[in-house]
Amino acid sequence: MLKNKILGKKYKLSVVLANPNLSKKLNKNYRKKNRPTNILSFPLSKKEGEIFLDLKTIKKEGKKFNRKFSNLVAYLFIHGLFHLKGFSHGVTMEKVEIKIRKRFEI
């Protein structure tokens, strides 16, 4: 439902559950950061993309975000979806994320 609301029903999304080694490798290759990361989004075209979620890293970060694990996964998934939609970090992205989180009680 989140994917359809943010990206549309016709958008093809792949979700990959990555381990810390893979997320670190991707983060280093694409973002030049040599550490595991919780989520990475890769737009493949206007109608297709991939999200990589590193559940072990997300679990470690739960206390930092003051959220339960399942809630943090949903929170980050929304964040990744908006990156696929073309948003960059900033006030505008935060506002649309808050609106969706409220709607879906996340």
Protein backbone atom coordinates (compact mmCIF):
# COMPACT_ATOMS: atom_id res chain seq x y z
CA MET A 1 0.00 0.00 0.00
CA LEU A 2 2.86 2.37 0.79
CA LYS A 3 4.53 1.74 -2.56
CA ASN A 4 1.28 2.23 -4.46
CA LYS A 5 0.43 5.45 -2.59
CA ILE A 6 3.88 7.00 -3.15
CA LEU A 7 5.01 5.59 -6.50
CA GLY A 8 1.80 4.33 -8.08
CA LYS A 9 0.42 0.89 -8.86
CA LYS A 10 2.32 0.54 -12.14
CA TYR A 11 5.73 1.18 -10.57
CA LYS A 12 7.81 -2.01 -10.39
CA LEU A 13 9.69 -2.23 -7.12
CA SER A 14 12.18 -4.84 -5.99
CA VAL A 15 13.00 -5.04 -2.30
CA VAL A 16 16.23 -6.77 -1.32
CA LEU A 17 17.00 -7.80 2.24
CA ALA A 18 20.74 -7.25 2.45
CA ASN A 19 23.28 -8.21 5.07
CA PRO A 20 25.74 -5.65 6.47
CA ASN A 21 28.51 -6.81 4.12
CA LEU A 22 26.40 -6.15 1.02
CA SER A 23 25.05 -2.84 2.30
CA LYS A 24 28.60 -1.73 3.13
CA LYS A 25 29.84 -2.71 -0.33
CA LEU A 26 26.97 -0.88 -2.07
CA ASN A 27 27.32 2.14 0.22
CA LYS A 28 31.04 2.32 -0.55
CA ASN A 29 30.55 1.92 -4.31
CA TYR A 30 27.67 4.34 -4.72
CA ARG A 31 28.00 6.80 -1.84
CA LYS A 32 31.74 6.59 -1.04
CA LYS A 33 30.92 5.70 2.59
CA ASN A 34 32.81 2.70 3.94
CA ARG A 35 30.19 1.41 6.38
CA PRO A 36 26.95 -0.57 6.31
CA THR A 37 23.80 1.48 5.86
CA ASN A 38 20.19 0.85 6.76
CA ILE A 39 18.63 1.50 3.36
CA LEU A 40 19.67 2.26 -0.19
CA SER A 41 17.36 3.20 -3.06
CA PHE A 42 18.25 2.75 -6.71
CA PRO A 43 15.97 4.14 -9.41
CA LEU A 44 16.36 2.01 -12.53
CA SER A 45 13.92 4.02 -14.67
CA LYS A 46 10.94 6.32 -14.16
CA LYS A 47 8.74 3.27 -13.51
CA GLU A 48 11.15 0.83 -11.83
CA GLY A 49 13.52 0.76 -8.88
CA GLU A 50 15.13 -1.23 -6.10
CA ILE A 51 15.37 -0.77 -2.36
CA PHE A 52 17.99 -2.56 -0.28
CA LEU A 53 17.16 -2.91 3.42
CA ASP A 54 19.85 -4.05 5.85
CA LEU A 55 17.74 -5.40 8.72
CA LYS A 56 20.71 -6.08 11.01
CA THR A 57 21.92 -2.49 10.70
CA ILE A 58 18.36 -1.21 11.15
CA LYS A 59 17.99 -3.27 14.32
CA LYS A 60 21.24 -1.81 15.71
CA GLU A 61 19.99 1.72 14.99
CA GLY A 62 16.59 1.27 16.67
CA LYS A 63 17.56 2.99 19.92
CA LYS A 64 19.13 5.92 18.05
CA PHE A 65 15.83 6.57 16.27
CA ASN A 66 13.75 5.79 19.38
CA ARG A 67 11.51 3.46 17.37
CA LYS A 68 10.58 -0.19 17.54
CA PHE A 69 12.16 -2.37 14.88
CA SER A 70 9.06 -2.87 12.70
CA ASN A 71 8.21 0.82 12.91
CA LEU A 72 11.74 1.82 11.94
CA VAL A 73 11.69 -0.53 8.94
CA ALA A 74 8.44 1.08 7.75
CA TYR A 75 9.83 4.57 8.44
CA LEU A 76 12.95 3.88 6.38
CA PHE A 77 10.95 2.15 3.63
CA ILE A 78 8.89 5.33 3.21
CA HIS A 79 12.12 7.32 3.10
CA GLY A 80 13.49 5.06 0.37
CA LEU A 81 10.27 5.29 -1.65
CA PHE A 82 10.47 9.08 -1.70
CA HIS A 83 14.06 8.90 -2.91
CA LEU A 84 12.83 6.71 -5.78
CA LYS A 85 10.20 9.35 -6.48
CA GLY A 86 13.02 11.85 -6.95
CA PHE A 87 13.10 13.63 -3.60
CA SER A 88 16.37 14.68 -1.97
CA HIS A 89 16.91 15.25 1.74
CA GLY A 90 15.43 18.49 2.99
CA VAL A 91 12.33 20.21 4.31
CA THR A 92 10.11 19.26 1.36
CA MET A 93 10.97 15.58 1.67
CA GLU A 94 10.40 15.66 5.43
CA LYS A 95 6.95 17.22 4.98
CA VAL A 96 5.73 14.57 2.51
CA GLU A 97 7.19 11.78 4.66
CA ILE A 98 5.39 13.09 7.74
CA LYS A 99 2.11 13.24 5.84
CA ILE A 100 2.41 9.60 4.72
CA ARG A 101 3.59 8.41 8.14
CA LYS A 102 0.56 10.03 9.76
CA ARG A 103 -1.79 8.51 7.18
CA PHE A 104 -0.39 5.02 7.77
CA GLU A 105 0.21 5.56 11.52
CA ILE A 106 3.97 5.00 11.33
